[in-house]
Every structure is written in structure tokens, then in C-alpha cells.
Amino acid sequence: MTVEQRRRNMQHIKSKDTKIEVALRKALWKKGLRYRKNYSKLPGKPDIAFVKYKVAVFCDSEFFHGKDWEVLKPRLEKANNSEFWVKKISRNRERDEEVNKQLLFLGWTVIRFWGKEILSQTEECVKVIEEAIFDSKINSIDILSDELTDFTEN
């Protein structure tokens, strides 16, 4: 690709409503699961958030989030503008870890899927989310049960 073609290509990459997000959201909606999208009240603005159950889902593209970083990094170091791309993707990976820690500290379950995983195994991704929601419901019931026990003992 020429520099101009690459530039035009990169300008058209979206951060919201990507193909992978839409595919997962449609499957979740079809299952009757309701969610918030790009939920700005949380760190990292999760692509999909189940606020009631405290489950945050991120749909990460392989390139920008550095999947197989040990393989990708040396390839990028040989490419044009390598310093920029290595720095950018490294920072994205660091930010992903920071966001995960912040959300876990706030009591949220964090789920991250790779784009190709969503497109090729959508149903499995939905099952992972359903299990996280189910676990959240069970934990809520346990907490309520413990509080009720404490209340009745006093």
C-alpha cells in the first residue's frame, strides 16, 4: 500500500460499533440479554456492560491490543514507523491491564474477547458471558442470605 492508501485505511477504523462488537451484541440481544454499550461511567468504557450483574465485556482487535505480542512486536520493529506502533500497542496493552485492575477493584467481572474469537465462536462467547451473569446472581443470593442470617441473629 502507498502511504496515502494506508493513511486513508487507518482513518476509517472505528472505535465504536465495530463489526466484532455488533456481532456479539446481536447474539446477546437474541438471547434476551440486555446491556449498556460503551458504558462511560466505568474505567475503559466497556464495549458491553451488564450493570445489574457487574459484568464488563471488551471486544479487542488482535492488532491494536497486541495479540501474540511476542510474535507481532518483532514484525512491527521491521515495518515503517515501527517506533510509533510498538509504543502505541505497548501502551494499549498496559492500559488494558490497568482497566482490568480498576474494574476488579470495583467488584466487576471483566471479560475480554479477541475479534476473531467473537466472529468464529460467537455462541461460546455468549456462554462465557451467561456464566459470568449466573455467577453474579449466585454471589448476590449468597450475600443476601448472609445479611439475612446476621439480621435475624441480632
N, C-alpha and C. Protein backbone atom coordinates (compact mmCIF):
# COMPACT_ATOMS: atom_id res chain seq x y z
N MET A 1 0.84 -1.20 0.00
CA MET A 1 0.00 0.00 0.00
C MET A 1 0.88 1.24 0.00
N THR A 2 0.37 2.24 -0.65
CA THR A 2 1.08 3.51 -0.62
C THR A 2 0.81 4.17 0.73
N VAL A 3 1.58 5.18 1.04
CA VAL A 3 1.41 5.91 2.30
C VAL A 3 0.00 6.50 2.37
N GLU A 4 -0.46 7.05 1.27
CA GLU A 4 -1.80 7.66 1.24
C GLU A 4 -2.90 6.61 1.43
N GLN A 5 -2.75 5.46 0.80
CA GLN A 5 -3.74 4.38 0.97
C GLN A 5 -3.77 3.91 2.42
N ARG A 6 -2.61 3.73 3.02
CA ARG A 6 -2.53 3.30 4.42
C ARG A 6 -3.19 4.35 5.32
N ARG A 7 -2.89 5.61 5.05
CA ARG A 7 -3.46 6.71 5.84
C ARG A 7 -4.99 6.68 5.78
N ARG A 8 -5.53 6.54 4.57
CA ARG A 8 -6.97 6.50 4.38
C ARG A 8 -7.58 5.30 5.11
N ASN A 9 -6.89 4.18 5.02
CA ASN A 9 -7.32 2.95 5.69
C ASN A 9 -7.43 3.16 7.20
N MET A 10 -6.39 3.73 7.78
CA MET A 10 -6.34 3.92 9.23
C MET A 10 -7.38 4.94 9.70
N GLN A 11 -7.69 5.92 8.88
CA GLN A 11 -8.68 6.93 9.25
C GLN A 11 -10.08 6.34 9.37
N HIS A 12 -10.33 5.23 8.70
CA HIS A 12 -11.67 4.64 8.70
C HIS A 12 -11.87 3.57 9.77
N ILE A 13 -10.87 3.36 10.60
CA ILE A 13 -11.02 2.39 11.68
C ILE A 13 -11.82 3.05 12.80
N LYS A 14 -12.89 2.38 13.20
CA LYS A 14 -13.80 2.94 14.20
C LYS A 14 -13.45 2.44 15.60
N SER A 15 -13.88 3.17 16.60
CA SER A 15 -13.66 2.71 17.97
C SER A 15 -14.97 2.20 18.59
N LYS A 16 -16.09 2.53 18.00
CA LYS A 16 -17.40 2.08 18.48
C LYS A 16 -18.13 1.37 17.35
N ASP A 17 -19.02 0.48 17.75
CA ASP A 17 -19.87 -0.24 16.78
C ASP A 17 -19.04 -0.94 15.70
N THR A 18 -17.96 -1.56 16.12
CA THR A 18 -17.15 -2.31 15.17
C THR A 18 -17.89 -3.60 14.80
N LYS A 19 -17.42 -4.25 13.76
CA LYS A 19 -18.04 -5.48 13.29
C LYS A 19 -18.09 -6.54 14.40
N ILE A 20 -17.01 -6.64 15.16
CA ILE A 20 -16.96 -7.66 16.21
C ILE A 20 -17.92 -7.33 17.35
N GLU A 21 -18.01 -6.05 17.72
CA GLU A 21 -18.95 -5.65 18.78
C GLU A 21 -20.38 -5.92 18.35
N VAL A 22 -20.72 -5.52 17.15
CA VAL A 22 -22.09 -5.68 16.65
C VAL A 22 -22.47 -7.16 16.60
N ALA A 23 -21.55 -8.00 16.16
CA ALA A 23 -21.83 -9.45 16.08
C ALA A 23 -22.14 -10.01 17.46
N LEU A 24 -21.34 -9.64 18.46
CA LEU A 24 -21.56 -10.14 19.81
C LEU A 24 -22.84 -9.56 20.41
N ARG A 25 -23.06 -8.28 20.21
CA ARG A 25 -24.27 -7.65 20.75
C ARG A 25 -25.54 -8.26 20.16
N LYS A 26 -25.54 -8.54 18.86
CA LYS A 26 -26.72 -9.15 18.23
C LYS A 26 -27.00 -10.52 18.84
N ALA A 27 -25.95 -11.30 19.08
CA ALA A 27 -26.13 -12.63 19.67
C ALA A 27 -26.65 -12.52 21.09
N LEU A 28 -26.15 -11.56 21.86
CA LEU A 28 -26.62 -11.36 23.23
C LEU A 28 -28.08 -10.91 23.25
N TRP A 29 -28.42 -9.98 22.37
CA TRP A 29 -29.80 -9.46 22.29
C TRP A 29 -30.76 -10.59 21.94
N LYS A 30 -30.33 -11.43 21.00
CA LYS A 30 -31.15 -12.56 20.57
C LYS A 30 -31.43 -13.51 21.74
N LYS A 31 -30.48 -13.62 22.67
CA LYS A 31 -30.64 -14.48 23.85
C LYS A 31 -31.47 -13.79 24.94
N GLY A 32 -31.87 -12.56 24.70
CA GLY A 32 -32.68 -11.85 25.69
C GLY A 32 -31.85 -11.12 26.73
N LEU A 33 -30.54 -11.02 26.51
CA LEU A 33 -29.67 -10.31 27.46
C LEU A 33 -29.61 -8.83 27.09
N ARG A 34 -29.89 -7.98 28.05
CA ARG A 34 -29.89 -6.53 27.81
C ARG A 34 -28.66 -5.92 28.48
N TYR A 35 -28.12 -4.90 27.87
CA TYR A 35 -26.82 -4.37 28.28
C TYR A 35 -26.73 -2.89 27.95
N ARG A 36 -25.67 -2.28 28.42
CA ARG A 36 -25.31 -0.92 28.03
C ARG A 36 -24.10 -1.05 27.10
N LYS A 37 -24.05 -0.20 26.09
CA LYS A 37 -22.89 -0.25 25.21
C LYS A 37 -22.02 0.98 25.42
N ASN A 38 -20.71 0.77 25.35
CA ASN A 38 -19.72 1.83 25.55
C ASN A 38 -20.03 2.63 26.81
N TYR A 39 -20.12 1.91 27.92
CA TYR A 39 -20.60 2.47 29.19
C TYR A 39 -19.55 3.41 29.79
N SER A 40 -19.78 4.71 29.65
CA SER A 40 -18.77 5.71 30.00
C SER A 40 -18.61 5.94 31.51
N LYS A 41 -19.48 5.37 32.34
CA LYS A 41 -19.36 5.56 33.78
C LYS A 41 -18.32 4.63 34.41
N LEU A 42 -17.73 3.77 33.59
CA LEU A 42 -16.73 2.83 34.10
C LEU A 42 -15.38 3.10 33.44
N PRO A 43 -14.30 2.76 34.15
CA PRO A 43 -12.98 2.89 33.53
C PRO A 43 -12.90 2.05 32.26
N GLY A 44 -12.30 2.60 31.23
CA GLY A 44 -12.11 1.87 29.98
C GLY A 44 -13.32 1.83 29.08
N LYS A 45 -14.45 2.40 29.50
CA LYS A 45 -15.70 2.38 28.73
C LYS A 45 -15.93 1.02 28.08
N PRO A 46 -16.32 0.01 28.85
CA PRO A 46 -16.51 -1.33 28.28
C PRO A 46 -17.44 -1.29 27.07
N ASP A 47 -17.13 -2.13 26.09
CA ASP A 47 -17.95 -2.20 24.87
C ASP A 47 -19.36 -2.65 25.23
N ILE A 48 -19.46 -3.57 26.18
CA ILE A 48 -20.75 -4.09 26.64
C ILE A 48 -20.70 -4.18 28.16
N ALA A 49 -21.70 -3.63 28.83
CA ALA A 49 -21.72 -3.68 30.30
C ALA A 49 -23.09 -4.15 30.78
N PHE A 50 -23.07 -5.13 31.65
CA PHE A 50 -24.28 -5.59 32.33
C PHE A 50 -24.22 -5.00 33.73
N VAL A 51 -24.79 -3.82 33.88
CA VAL A 51 -24.63 -3.04 35.10
C VAL A 51 -25.19 -3.78 36.31
N LYS A 52 -26.36 -4.38 36.17
CA LYS A 52 -27.01 -5.08 37.28
C LYS A 52 -26.15 -6.20 37.84
N TYR A 53 -25.40 -6.85 36.95
CA TYR A 53 -24.60 -8.02 37.36
C TYR A 53 -23.11 -7.70 37.47
N LYS A 54 -22.74 -6.46 37.20
CA LYS A 54 -21.35 -6.02 37.25
C LYS A 54 -20.44 -6.89 36.38
N VAL A 55 -20.82 -7.02 35.12
CA VAL A 55 -20.02 -7.76 34.15
C VAL A 55 -19.67 -6.79 33.01
N ALA A 56 -18.36 -6.61 32.77
CA ALA A 56 -17.88 -5.73 31.71
C ALA A 56 -17.22 -6.57 30.62
N VAL A 57 -17.60 -6.33 29.37
CA VAL A 57 -17.08 -7.10 28.25
C VAL A 57 -16.37 -6.16 27.28
N PHE A 58 -15.16 -6.57 26.89
CA PHE A 58 -14.37 -5.82 25.93
C PHE A 58 -14.16 -6.68 24.69
N CYS A 59 -14.32 -6.09 23.52
CA CYS A 59 -14.10 -6.76 22.24
C CYS A 59 -12.82 -6.17 21.65
N ASP A 60 -11.73 -6.89 21.78
CA ASP A 60 -10.42 -6.37 21.40
C ASP A 60 -9.98 -6.87 20.03
N SER A 61 -9.51 -5.94 19.20
CA SER A 61 -8.95 -6.34 17.90
C SER A 61 -7.54 -6.87 18.13
N GLU A 62 -7.17 -7.85 17.36
CA GLU A 62 -5.88 -8.50 17.55
C GLU A 62 -4.71 -7.54 17.36
N PHE A 63 -4.77 -6.70 16.36
CA PHE A 63 -3.64 -5.81 16.07
C PHE A 63 -3.48 -4.74 17.14
N PHE A 64 -4.52 -3.96 17.39
CA PHE A 64 -4.39 -2.80 18.28
C PHE A 64 -4.22 -3.18 19.74
N HIS A 65 -4.59 -4.39 20.12
CA HIS A 65 -4.42 -4.81 21.51
C HIS A 65 -3.29 -5.82 21.67
N GLY A 66 -2.57 -6.07 20.60
CA GLY A 66 -1.32 -6.83 20.66
C GLY A 66 -1.45 -8.30 20.96
N LYS A 67 -2.36 -8.98 20.28
CA LYS A 67 -2.45 -10.43 20.48
C LYS A 67 -1.15 -11.07 19.98
N ASP A 68 -0.67 -12.07 20.70
CA ASP A 68 0.60 -12.73 20.37
C ASP A 68 1.70 -11.68 20.23
N TRP A 69 1.83 -10.84 21.23
CA TRP A 69 2.74 -9.70 21.21
C TRP A 69 4.19 -10.12 20.95
N GLU A 70 4.59 -11.28 21.44
CA GLU A 70 5.95 -11.75 21.26
C GLU A 70 6.25 -11.98 19.77
N VAL A 71 5.22 -12.32 19.01
CA VAL A 71 5.37 -12.55 17.56
C VAL A 71 5.17 -11.23 16.80
N LEU A 72 4.20 -10.46 17.21
CA LEU A 72 3.86 -9.22 16.49
C LEU A 72 4.94 -8.14 16.66
N LYS A 73 5.48 -8.00 17.85
CA LYS A 73 6.43 -6.92 18.12
C LYS A 73 7.65 -6.97 17.20
N PRO A 74 8.32 -8.13 17.04
CA PRO A 74 9.46 -8.15 16.12
C PRO A 74 9.08 -7.83 14.67
N ARG A 75 7.89 -8.22 14.26
CA ARG A 75 7.43 -7.89 12.91
C ARG A 75 7.23 -6.38 12.76
N LEU A 76 6.67 -5.76 13.80
CA LEU A 76 6.45 -4.31 13.75
C LEU A 76 7.77 -3.55 13.75
N GLU A 77 8.76 -4.08 14.46
CA GLU A 77 10.05 -3.40 14.55
C GLU A 77 10.73 -3.31 13.19
N LYS A 78 10.36 -4.17 12.26
CA LYS A 78 10.94 -4.14 10.91
C LYS A 78 10.11 -3.26 9.96
N ALA A 79 8.92 -2.85 10.37
CA ALA A 79 8.00 -2.13 9.50
C ALA A 79 8.27 -0.63 9.53
N ASN A 80 7.58 0.09 8.65
CA ASN A 80 7.65 1.56 8.64
C ASN A 80 7.04 2.11 9.92
N ASN A 81 7.59 3.18 10.40
CA ASN A 81 7.07 3.88 11.58
C ASN A 81 7.00 2.93 12.79
N SER A 82 7.98 2.05 12.90
CA SER A 82 7.95 1.00 13.93
C SER A 82 7.92 1.54 15.35
N GLU A 83 8.67 2.60 15.60
CA GLU A 83 8.72 3.16 16.95
C GLU A 83 7.31 3.57 17.42
N PHE A 84 6.57 4.23 16.53
CA PHE A 84 5.21 4.67 16.85
C PHE A 84 4.32 3.47 17.19
N TRP A 85 4.33 2.43 16.33
CA TRP A 85 3.41 1.31 16.50
C TRP A 85 3.76 0.47 17.73
N VAL A 86 5.03 0.24 17.96
CA VAL A 86 5.42 -0.54 19.15
C VAL A 86 5.01 0.21 20.42
N LYS A 87 5.25 1.51 20.43
CA LYS A 87 4.87 2.33 21.60
C LYS A 87 3.36 2.34 21.79
N LYS A 88 2.62 2.52 20.69
CA LYS A 88 1.16 2.61 20.77
C LYS A 88 0.55 1.31 21.28
N ILE A 89 0.96 0.20 20.70
CA ILE A 89 0.36 -1.09 21.08
C ILE A 89 0.80 -1.49 22.49
N SER A 90 2.05 -1.20 22.84
CA SER A 90 2.51 -1.47 24.21
C SER A 90 1.67 -0.70 25.22
N ARG A 91 1.42 0.56 24.91
CA ARG A 91 0.60 1.39 25.81
C ARG A 91 -0.84 0.87 25.88
N ASN A 92 -1.39 0.41 24.75
CA ASN A 92 -2.74 -0.16 24.76
C ASN A 92 -2.79 -1.38 25.68
N ARG A 93 -1.77 -2.23 25.61
CA ARG A 93 -1.72 -3.42 26.45
C ARG A 93 -1.63 -3.04 27.93
N GLU A 94 -0.81 -2.04 28.24
CA GLU A 94 -0.70 -1.56 29.62
C GLU A 94 -2.04 -1.01 30.10
N ARG A 95 -2.68 -0.22 29.26
CA ARG A 95 -3.96 0.38 29.63
C ARG A 95 -5.01 -0.70 29.87
N ASP A 96 -5.02 -1.74 29.04
CA ASP A 96 -5.96 -2.85 29.23
C ASP A 96 -5.77 -3.47 30.63
N GLU A 97 -4.53 -3.67 31.03
CA GLU A 97 -4.25 -4.23 32.36
C GLU A 97 -4.70 -3.29 33.47
N GLU A 98 -4.44 -2.00 33.31
CA GLU A 98 -4.86 -1.00 34.30
C GLU A 98 -6.38 -0.99 34.45
N VAL A 99 -7.08 -1.01 33.33
CA VAL A 99 -8.55 -1.01 33.34
C VAL A 99 -9.07 -2.28 34.01
N ASN A 100 -8.48 -3.42 33.68
CA ASN A 100 -8.89 -4.69 34.31
C ASN A 100 -8.77 -4.58 35.84
N LYS A 101 -7.64 -4.06 36.31
CA LYS A 101 -7.42 -3.94 37.77
C LYS A 101 -8.42 -2.99 38.41
N GLN A 102 -8.67 -1.85 37.75
CA GLN A 102 -9.64 -0.89 38.29
C GLN A 102 -11.02 -1.51 38.40
N LEU A 103 -11.45 -2.19 37.36
CA LEU A 103 -12.79 -2.79 37.37
C LEU A 103 -12.88 -3.91 38.41
N LEU A 104 -11.86 -4.73 38.51
CA LEU A 104 -11.86 -5.79 39.52
C LEU A 104 -11.93 -5.18 40.93
N PHE A 105 -11.21 -4.09 41.15
CA PHE A 105 -11.25 -3.40 42.44
C PHE A 105 -12.66 -2.90 42.75
N LEU A 106 -13.39 -2.49 41.72
CA LEU A 106 -14.76 -2.00 41.89
C LEU A 106 -15.78 -3.14 42.00
N GLY A 107 -15.30 -4.39 41.93
CA GLY A 107 -16.19 -5.54 42.09
C GLY A 107 -16.80 -6.05 40.79
N TRP A 108 -16.23 -5.67 39.65
CA TRP A 108 -16.75 -6.08 38.36
C TRP A 108 -16.02 -7.32 37.86
N THR A 109 -16.73 -8.13 37.10
CA THR A 109 -16.13 -9.24 36.38
C THR A 109 -15.74 -8.71 35.01
N VAL A 110 -14.50 -8.92 34.60
CA VAL A 110 -14.01 -8.42 33.32
C VAL A 110 -13.83 -9.59 32.36
N ILE A 111 -14.41 -9.45 31.18
CA ILE A 111 -14.26 -10.47 30.14
C ILE A 111 -13.71 -9.78 28.89
N ARG A 112 -12.66 -10.36 28.33
CA ARG A 112 -12.07 -9.81 27.10
C ARG A 112 -12.07 -10.90 26.04
N PHE A 113 -12.57 -10.56 24.86
CA PHE A 113 -12.57 -11.48 23.74
C PHE A 113 -11.76 -10.86 22.60
N TRP A 114 -11.06 -11.71 21.86
CA TRP A 114 -10.40 -11.28 20.63
C TRP A 114 -11.43 -11.26 19.51
N GLY A 115 -11.22 -10.38 18.56
CA GLY A 115 -12.16 -10.21 17.45
C GLY A 115 -12.44 -11.49 16.68
N LYS A 116 -11.39 -12.21 16.32
CA LYS A 116 -11.59 -13.44 15.54
C LYS A 116 -12.31 -14.50 16.35
N GLU A 117 -12.09 -14.48 17.65
CA GLU A 117 -12.79 -15.40 18.55
C GLU A 117 -14.29 -15.11 18.53
N ILE A 118 -14.64 -13.84 18.55
CA ILE A 118 -16.05 -13.45 18.52
C ILE A 118 -16.69 -13.88 17.20
N LEU A 119 -16.00 -13.61 16.10
CA LEU A 119 -16.58 -13.90 14.79
C LEU A 119 -16.69 -15.40 14.51
N SER A 120 -15.74 -16.19 14.99
CA SER A 120 -15.77 -17.62 14.68
C SER A 120 -16.46 -18.47 15.75
N GLN A 121 -16.55 -17.95 16.98
CA GLN A 121 -17.13 -18.73 18.08
C GLN A 121 -18.10 -17.87 18.90
N THR A 122 -19.00 -17.22 18.22
CA THR A 122 -19.91 -16.29 18.88
C THR A 122 -20.70 -16.95 20.00
N GLU A 123 -21.23 -18.13 19.75
CA GLU A 123 -22.04 -18.82 20.77
C GLU A 123 -21.24 -19.14 22.02
N GLU A 124 -19.98 -19.52 21.85
CA GLU A 124 -19.13 -19.81 23.01
C GLU A 124 -18.89 -18.53 23.82
N CYS A 125 -18.71 -17.42 23.14
CA CYS A 125 -18.53 -16.13 23.82
C CYS A 125 -19.79 -15.78 24.62
N VAL A 126 -20.94 -16.00 24.02
CA VAL A 126 -22.21 -15.73 24.71
C VAL A 126 -22.32 -16.62 25.96
N LYS A 127 -21.92 -17.88 25.85
CA LYS A 127 -21.98 -18.79 27.00
C LYS A 127 -21.08 -18.32 28.13
N VAL A 128 -19.90 -17.81 27.80
CA VAL A 128 -18.99 -17.28 28.83
C VAL A 128 -19.66 -16.13 29.56
N ILE A 129 -20.31 -15.25 28.81
CA ILE A 129 -20.99 -14.10 29.42
C ILE A 129 -22.17 -14.57 30.27
N GLU A 130 -22.94 -15.53 29.76
CA GLU A 130 -24.08 -16.05 30.54
C GLU A 130 -23.60 -16.68 31.85
N GLU A 131 -22.48 -17.38 31.82
CA GLU A 131 -21.94 -17.98 33.04
C GLU A 131 -21.51 -16.91 34.04
N ALA A 132 -20.91 -15.84 33.55
CA ALA A 132 -20.50 -14.75 34.43
C ALA A 132 -21.72 -14.09 35.08
N ILE A 133 -22.77 -13.91 34.31
CA ILE A 133 -24.01 -13.34 34.86
C ILE A 133 -24.61 -14.28 35.89
N PHE A 134 -24.63 -15.57 35.59
CA PHE A 134 -25.15 -16.57 36.52
C PHE A 134 -24.35 -16.55 37.82
N ASP A 135 -23.01 -16.51 37.71
CA ASP A 135 -22.17 -16.45 38.90
C ASP A 135 -22.46 -15.21 39.73
N SER A 136 -22.70 -14.10 39.04
CA SER A 136 -23.02 -12.86 39.73
C SER A 136 -24.34 -12.98 40.50
N LYS A 137 -25.32 -13.63 39.87
CA LYS A 137 -26.61 -13.84 40.54
C LYS A 137 -26.44 -14.71 41.78
N ILE A 138 -25.66 -15.79 41.66
CA ILE A 138 -25.42 -16.69 42.80
C ILE A 138 -24.72 -15.94 43.93
N ASN A 139 -23.71 -15.14 43.59
CA ASN A 139 -23.00 -14.36 44.62
C ASN A 139 -23.93 -13.38 45.31
N SER A 140 -24.83 -12.77 44.56
CA SER A 140 -25.80 -11.83 45.15
C SER A 140 -26.72 -12.55 46.12
N ILE A 141 -27.16 -13.74 45.75
CA ILE A 141 -28.04 -14.52 46.63
C ILE A 141 -27.30 -14.91 47.91
N ASP A 142 -26.04 -15.32 47.78
CA ASP A 142 -25.23 -15.69 48.95
C ASP A 142 -25.05 -14.51 49.88
N ILE A 143 -24.78 -13.33 49.33
CA ILE A 143 -24.59 -12.14 50.16
C ILE A 143 -25.88 -11.78 50.87
N LEU A 144 -27.01 -11.83 50.16
CA LEU A 144 -28.30 -11.53 50.79
C LEU A 144 -28.62 -12.54 51.89
N SER A 145 -28.30 -13.79 51.65
CA SER A 145 -28.54 -14.83 52.63
C SER A 145 -27.72 -14.59 53.89
N ASP A 146 -26.44 -14.22 53.71
CA ASP A 146 -25.57 -13.93 54.86
C ASP A 146 -26.08 -12.73 55.64
N GLU A 147 -26.52 -11.68 54.92
CA GLU A 147 -27.04 -10.49 55.58
C GLU A 147 -28.33 -10.81 56.35
N LEU A 148 -29.18 -11.63 55.78
CA LEU A 148 -30.42 -12.02 56.44
C LEU A 148 -30.11 -12.81 57.70
N THR A 149 -29.14 -13.72 57.61
CA THR A 149 -28.74 -14.52 58.78
C THR A 149 -28.22 -13.60 59.88
N ASP A 150 -27.36 -12.65 59.54
CA ASP A 150 -26.84 -11.69 60.52
C ASP A 150 -27.95 -10.89 61.15
N PHE A 151 -28.92 -10.47 60.35
CA PHE A 151 -30.03 -9.65 60.82
C PHE A 151 -30.90 -10.45 61.81
N THR A 152 -31.21 -11.68 61.49
CA THR A 152 -32.09 -12.48 62.34
C THR A 152 -31.41 -12.92 63.63
N GLU A 153 -30.07 -13.01 63.61
CA GLU A 153 -29.35 -13.42 64.82
C GLU A 153 -29.30 -12.28 65.83
N ASN A 154 -29.39 -11.05 65.36
CA ASN A 154 -29.29 -9.89 66.28
C ASN A 154 -30.64 -9.54 66.73
